[in-house]
């Protein structure tokens, strides 16, 4: 499906699961982008986002992230975001959504090494 010439109007649709949130940008029945809480703590909700590559650069992810962040705050949770230092797109999206870097972390992986 080719990307639209402009982003769809309106707010993302939402759904709330047992322990988290998800906000999606739909183009008709097609889910083009989704932001959700994937790690829920007592006080924090880690936000994740995925966008179909054909629909990037349309601010769909940003709109979904802002909605997920607002929902987290409305439920008394502090939204958080994690991104590797090398993932410039994720870091730029986080900053555009109002997140700010607070520290650098080393992440350990259990299992087979992934070469990139």
N, C-alpha and C. Protein backbone atom coordinates (compact mmCIF):
# COMPACT_ATOMS: atom_id res chain seq x y z
N UNK A 1 0.85 -1.18 0.00
CA UNK A 1 0.00 0.00 0.00
C UNK A 1 0.90 1.24 0.00
N UNK A 2 0.74 2.16 -0.93
CA UNK A 2 1.59 3.35 -0.96
C UNK A 2 1.21 4.30 0.18
N UNK A 3 2.18 5.07 0.67
CA UNK A 3 1.87 6.01 1.75
C UNK A 3 0.95 7.11 1.25
N UNK A 4 0.11 7.62 2.12
CA UNK A 4 -0.78 8.70 1.73
C UNK A 4 0.02 9.97 1.50
N UNK A 5 -0.57 10.92 0.78
CA UNK A 5 0.12 12.18 0.52
C UNK A 5 0.13 13.08 1.75
N UNK A 6 -0.73 12.83 2.69
CA UNK A 6 -0.75 13.60 3.94
C UNK A 6 -1.24 12.68 5.05
N UNK A 7 -0.91 13.01 6.30
CA UNK A 7 -1.36 12.17 7.41
C UNK A 7 -2.87 12.20 7.55
N UNK A 8 -3.45 11.13 8.09
CA UNK A 8 -4.89 11.13 8.32
C UNK A 8 -5.25 12.14 9.40
N UNK A 9 -6.45 12.65 9.34
CA UNK A 9 -6.87 13.61 10.35
C UNK A 9 -7.46 12.87 11.54
N UNK A 10 -7.58 13.60 12.64
CA UNK A 10 -8.19 13.03 13.84
C UNK A 10 -7.17 12.43 14.78
N UNK A 11 -7.63 11.98 15.92
CA UNK A 11 -6.78 11.40 16.94
C UNK A 11 -6.65 9.90 16.72
N UNK A 12 -5.55 9.33 17.20
CA UNK A 12 -5.41 7.88 17.11
C UNK A 12 -6.50 7.19 17.92
N UNK A 13 -6.86 6.01 17.49
CA UNK A 13 -7.79 5.19 18.26
C UNK A 13 -7.02 4.53 19.39
N UNK A 14 -7.71 4.19 20.46
CA UNK A 14 -7.02 3.58 21.59
C UNK A 14 -7.68 2.28 21.99
N UNK A 15 -6.91 1.49 22.68
CA UNK A 15 -7.46 0.32 23.37
C UNK A 15 -6.67 0.16 24.65
N UNK A 16 -7.30 -0.38 25.65
CA UNK A 16 -6.63 -0.58 26.93
C UNK A 16 -6.71 -2.06 27.25
N UNK A 17 -5.55 -2.64 27.46
CA UNK A 17 -5.48 -4.04 27.83
C UNK A 17 -5.50 -4.19 29.33
N UNK A 18 -5.27 -5.40 29.79
CA UNK A 18 -5.29 -5.70 31.22
C UNK A 18 -4.30 -4.86 32.01
N UNK A 19 -3.10 -4.64 31.46
CA UNK A 19 -2.07 -3.91 32.19
C UNK A 19 -1.44 -2.78 31.39
N UNK A 20 -1.91 -2.48 30.23
CA UNK A 20 -1.22 -1.47 29.44
C UNK A 20 -2.13 -0.69 28.53
N UNK A 21 -1.50 0.09 27.69
CA UNK A 21 -2.20 0.97 26.77
C UNK A 21 -1.68 0.74 25.37
N UNK A 22 -2.51 1.00 24.38
CA UNK A 22 -2.06 0.99 22.99
C UNK A 22 -2.84 2.06 22.23
N UNK A 23 -2.12 2.82 21.43
CA UNK A 23 -2.73 3.87 20.61
C UNK A 23 -2.28 3.63 19.18
N UNK A 24 -3.24 3.52 18.27
CA UNK A 24 -2.90 3.21 16.88
C UNK A 24 -3.40 4.26 15.92
N UNK A 25 -2.64 4.47 14.86
CA UNK A 25 -3.05 5.34 13.75
C UNK A 25 -3.50 4.44 12.63
N UNK A 26 -4.77 4.52 12.29
CA UNK A 26 -5.37 3.68 11.26
C UNK A 26 -5.60 4.48 10.00
N UNK A 27 -5.34 3.86 8.88
CA UNK A 27 -5.70 4.42 7.58
C UNK A 27 -6.73 3.46 7.02
N UNK A 28 -7.99 3.82 7.21
CA UNK A 28 -9.05 2.85 6.94
C UNK A 28 -8.90 1.73 7.95
N UNK A 29 -8.94 0.48 7.50
CA UNK A 29 -8.79 -0.63 8.44
C UNK A 29 -7.32 -0.98 8.73
N UNK A 30 -6.39 -0.30 8.07
CA UNK A 30 -4.97 -0.64 8.16
C UNK A 30 -4.29 0.08 9.32
N UNK A 31 -3.64 -0.67 10.20
CA UNK A 31 -2.90 -0.10 11.32
C UNK A 31 -1.52 0.31 10.81
N UNK A 32 -1.29 1.64 10.68
CA UNK A 32 -0.04 2.15 10.12
C UNK A 32 1.02 2.36 11.19
N UNK A 33 0.61 2.70 12.41
CA UNK A 33 1.54 2.95 13.50
C UNK A 33 0.85 2.65 14.82
N UNK A 34 1.63 2.19 15.79
CA UNK A 34 1.08 1.91 17.11
C UNK A 34 2.12 2.23 18.17
N UNK A 35 1.68 2.86 19.24
CA UNK A 35 2.51 3.10 20.42
C UNK A 35 1.80 2.43 21.59
N UNK A 36 2.58 1.77 22.42
CA UNK A 36 1.97 1.05 23.54
C UNK A 36 2.90 1.06 24.75
N UNK A 37 2.32 0.74 25.87
CA UNK A 37 3.11 0.51 27.07
C UNK A 37 3.46 -0.96 27.10
N UNK A 38 4.76 -1.28 27.14
CA UNK A 38 5.11 -2.69 27.13
C UNK A 38 5.77 -3.14 28.42
N UNK A 39 6.24 -2.23 29.26
CA UNK A 39 6.72 -2.58 30.59
C UNK A 39 5.98 -1.69 31.58
N UNK A 40 5.20 -2.28 32.44
CA UNK A 40 4.40 -1.52 33.38
C UNK A 40 4.93 -1.77 34.78
N UNK A 41 5.30 -0.70 35.45
CA UNK A 41 5.75 -0.78 36.83
C UNK A 41 4.75 -0.12 37.75
N UNK A 42 5.11 0.00 39.01
CA UNK A 42 4.21 0.66 39.97
C UNK A 42 4.03 2.14 39.64
N UNK A 43 5.11 2.75 39.12
CA UNK A 43 5.07 4.18 38.87
C UNK A 43 5.39 4.57 37.43
N UNK A 44 5.87 3.62 36.63
CA UNK A 44 6.34 3.95 35.28
C UNK A 44 5.70 3.06 34.22
N UNK A 45 5.62 3.60 33.02
CA UNK A 45 5.17 2.84 31.86
C UNK A 45 6.17 3.09 30.74
N UNK A 46 6.87 2.04 30.31
CA UNK A 46 7.82 2.14 29.20
C UNK A 46 7.04 2.13 27.90
N UNK A 47 7.24 3.14 27.08
CA UNK A 47 6.53 3.28 25.81
C UNK A 47 7.35 2.66 24.68
N UNK A 48 6.68 1.94 23.81
CA UNK A 48 7.29 1.38 22.60
C UNK A 48 6.44 1.82 21.41
N UNK A 49 7.05 1.89 20.24
CA UNK A 49 6.33 2.31 19.05
C UNK A 49 6.81 1.51 17.84
N UNK A 50 5.89 1.25 16.94
CA UNK A 50 6.23 0.59 15.67
C UNK A 50 5.39 1.24 14.58
N UNK A 51 6.04 1.49 13.44
CA UNK A 51 5.36 2.10 12.30
C UNK A 51 5.74 1.34 11.04
N UNK A 52 4.77 1.03 10.23
CA UNK A 52 5.03 0.41 8.93
C UNK A 52 5.97 1.33 8.16
N UNK A 53 7.07 0.81 7.62
CA UNK A 53 8.02 1.67 6.91
C UNK A 53 7.39 2.52 5.80
N UNK A 54 6.33 2.06 5.19
CA UNK A 54 5.67 2.84 4.13
C UNK A 54 4.99 4.09 4.67
N UNK A 55 4.81 4.17 6.00
CA UNK A 55 4.07 5.29 6.58
C UNK A 55 4.93 6.12 7.53
N UNK A 56 6.25 5.98 7.45
CA UNK A 56 7.14 6.79 8.27
C UNK A 56 7.21 8.21 7.74
N UNK A 57 7.64 9.11 8.61
CA UNK A 57 7.80 10.53 8.28
C UNK A 57 6.47 11.25 8.04
N UNK A 58 5.39 10.72 8.59
CA UNK A 58 4.07 11.35 8.48
C UNK A 58 3.55 11.81 9.84
N UNK A 59 4.40 11.74 10.86
CA UNK A 59 4.07 12.11 12.24
C UNK A 59 3.04 11.19 12.88
N UNK A 60 2.81 10.02 12.30
CA UNK A 60 1.86 9.07 12.90
C UNK A 60 2.42 8.53 14.21
N UNK A 61 3.69 8.14 14.22
CA UNK A 61 4.31 7.62 15.44
C UNK A 61 4.30 8.69 16.54
N UNK A 62 4.64 9.92 16.18
CA UNK A 62 4.65 10.99 17.17
C UNK A 62 3.27 11.20 17.77
N UNK A 63 2.25 11.19 16.95
CA UNK A 63 0.88 11.35 17.44
C UNK A 63 0.50 10.21 18.38
N UNK A 64 0.84 8.99 18.01
CA UNK A 64 0.53 7.83 18.86
C UNK A 64 1.30 7.88 20.17
N UNK A 65 2.58 8.25 20.12
CA UNK A 65 3.40 8.34 21.33
C UNK A 65 2.85 9.41 22.27
N UNK A 66 2.48 10.54 21.72
CA UNK A 66 1.91 11.60 22.57
C UNK A 66 0.62 11.14 23.24
N UNK A 67 -0.21 10.39 22.53
CA UNK A 67 -1.45 9.87 23.11
C UNK A 67 -1.17 8.84 24.19
N UNK A 68 -0.22 7.95 23.94
CA UNK A 68 0.14 6.93 24.95
C UNK A 68 0.73 7.59 26.18
N UNK A 69 1.55 8.62 25.98
CA UNK A 69 2.15 9.34 27.09
C UNK A 69 1.08 10.03 27.93
N UNK A 70 0.12 10.66 27.28
CA UNK A 70 -0.97 11.33 28.01
C UNK A 70 -1.80 10.32 28.79
N UNK A 71 -2.06 9.16 28.20
CA UNK A 71 -2.83 8.13 28.88
C UNK A 71 -2.08 7.61 30.11
N UNK A 72 -0.77 7.42 29.98
CA UNK A 72 0.02 6.97 31.12
C UNK A 72 -0.08 7.98 32.26
N UNK A 73 0.11 9.25 31.93
CA UNK A 73 0.03 10.29 32.97
C UNK A 73 -1.36 10.34 33.60
N UNK A 74 -2.39 10.18 32.78
CA UNK A 74 -3.77 10.20 33.31
C UNK A 74 -4.01 9.07 34.30
N UNK A 75 -3.22 8.01 34.19
CA UNK A 75 -3.35 6.88 35.12
C UNK A 75 -2.28 6.92 36.22
N UNK A 76 -1.66 8.07 36.39
CA UNK A 76 -0.70 8.25 37.47
C UNK A 76 0.65 7.60 37.24
N UNK A 77 0.96 7.28 35.98
CA UNK A 77 2.25 6.66 35.66
C UNK A 77 3.16 7.65 34.95
N UNK A 78 4.45 7.52 35.19
CA UNK A 78 5.44 8.33 34.50
C UNK A 78 5.86 7.59 33.24
N UNK A 79 5.64 8.15 32.07
CA UNK A 79 6.06 7.48 30.83
C UNK A 79 7.58 7.52 30.71
N UNK A 80 8.16 6.41 30.27
CA UNK A 80 9.61 6.33 30.05
C UNK A 80 9.86 5.83 28.63
N UNK A 81 11.09 6.03 28.16
CA UNK A 81 11.48 5.66 26.81
C UNK A 81 12.92 5.18 26.86
N UNK A 82 13.21 4.09 26.25
CA UNK A 82 14.58 3.59 26.15
C UNK A 82 14.95 3.46 24.68
N UNK A 83 16.16 3.90 24.36
CA UNK A 83 16.64 3.80 22.98
C UNK A 83 18.15 3.63 23.01
N UNK A 84 18.67 2.74 22.18
CA UNK A 84 20.12 2.63 22.09
C UNK A 84 20.72 3.93 21.58
N UNK A 85 21.93 4.21 21.99
CA UNK A 85 22.59 5.44 21.55
C UNK A 85 22.71 5.50 20.03
N UNK A 86 22.78 4.34 19.39
CA UNK A 86 22.94 4.29 17.94
C UNK A 86 21.64 4.46 17.17
N UNK A 87 20.49 4.40 17.84
CA UNK A 87 19.20 4.51 17.16
C UNK A 87 18.76 5.98 17.15
N UNK A 88 19.30 6.72 16.21
CA UNK A 88 19.02 8.16 16.13
C UNK A 88 17.54 8.46 15.88
N UNK A 89 16.88 7.63 15.08
CA UNK A 89 15.46 7.87 14.78
C UNK A 89 14.62 7.75 16.05
N UNK A 90 14.87 6.73 16.85
CA UNK A 90 14.13 6.55 18.09
C UNK A 90 14.40 7.69 19.06
N UNK A 91 15.65 8.09 19.15
CA UNK A 91 16.01 9.18 20.06
C UNK A 91 15.37 10.50 19.61
N UNK A 92 15.35 10.75 18.31
CA UNK A 92 14.72 11.97 17.79
C UNK A 92 13.22 11.97 18.04
N UNK A 93 12.58 10.82 17.87
CA UNK A 93 11.14 10.70 18.14
C UNK A 93 10.86 10.95 19.61
N UNK A 94 11.66 10.36 20.48
CA UNK A 94 11.47 10.55 21.92
C UNK A 94 11.58 12.03 22.29
N UNK A 95 12.60 12.69 21.77
CA UNK A 95 12.77 14.11 22.07
C UNK A 95 11.63 14.95 21.51
N UNK A 96 11.15 14.63 20.31
CA UNK A 96 10.02 15.35 19.72
C UNK A 96 8.76 15.17 20.55
N UNK A 97 8.64 14.02 21.21
CA UNK A 97 7.46 13.72 22.04
C UNK A 97 7.59 14.28 23.45
N UNK A 98 8.73 14.94 23.74
CA UNK A 98 8.88 15.58 25.05
C UNK A 98 9.71 14.80 26.06
N UNK A 99 10.25 13.66 25.67
CA UNK A 99 11.12 12.91 26.57
C UNK A 99 12.50 13.59 26.56
N UNK A 100 13.24 13.45 27.66
CA UNK A 100 14.60 13.95 27.70
C UNK A 100 15.51 12.87 28.25
N UNK A 101 16.71 12.83 27.72
CA UNK A 101 17.68 11.82 28.17
C UNK A 101 18.10 12.14 29.60
N UNK A 102 18.12 11.12 30.45
CA UNK A 102 18.52 11.32 31.83
C UNK A 102 19.80 10.57 32.18
N UNK A 103 20.15 9.54 31.41
CA UNK A 103 21.40 8.82 31.64
C UNK A 103 21.65 7.85 30.49
N UNK A 104 22.87 7.38 30.42
CA UNK A 104 23.24 6.34 29.46
C UNK A 104 23.37 5.05 30.23
N UNK A 105 22.90 3.97 29.63
CA UNK A 105 22.95 2.69 30.31
C UNK A 105 23.61 1.64 29.43
N UNK A 106 24.21 0.67 30.08
CA UNK A 106 24.71 -0.51 29.39
C UNK A 106 23.63 -1.57 29.52
N UNK A 107 23.26 -2.17 28.41
CA UNK A 107 22.22 -3.20 28.42
C UNK A 107 22.88 -4.55 28.15
N UNK A 108 22.55 -5.52 28.97
CA UNK A 108 23.09 -6.86 28.81
C UNK A 108 22.05 -7.74 28.14
N UNK A 109 22.50 -8.64 27.33
CA UNK A 109 21.62 -9.52 26.56
C UNK A 109 21.94 -10.95 26.94
N UNK A 110 20.94 -11.73 27.28
CA UNK A 110 21.12 -13.15 27.57
C UNK A 110 20.66 -13.93 26.35
N UNK A 111 21.54 -14.71 25.79
CA UNK A 111 21.20 -15.47 24.60
C UNK A 111 22.23 -15.25 23.51
N UNK A 112 21.92 -15.72 22.31
CA UNK A 112 22.88 -15.59 21.23
C UNK A 112 23.14 -14.11 20.89
N UNK A 113 24.38 -13.81 20.59
CA UNK A 113 24.74 -12.44 20.22
C UNK A 113 24.16 -12.13 18.85
N UNK A 114 23.76 -10.90 18.68
CA UNK A 114 23.21 -10.44 17.41
C UNK A 114 24.20 -9.45 16.83
N UNK A 115 24.71 -9.73 15.66
CA UNK A 115 25.66 -8.86 15.00
C UNK A 115 24.91 -7.90 14.08
N UNK A 116 25.25 -6.62 14.15
CA UNK A 116 24.59 -5.64 13.29
C UNK A 116 25.61 -4.79 12.60
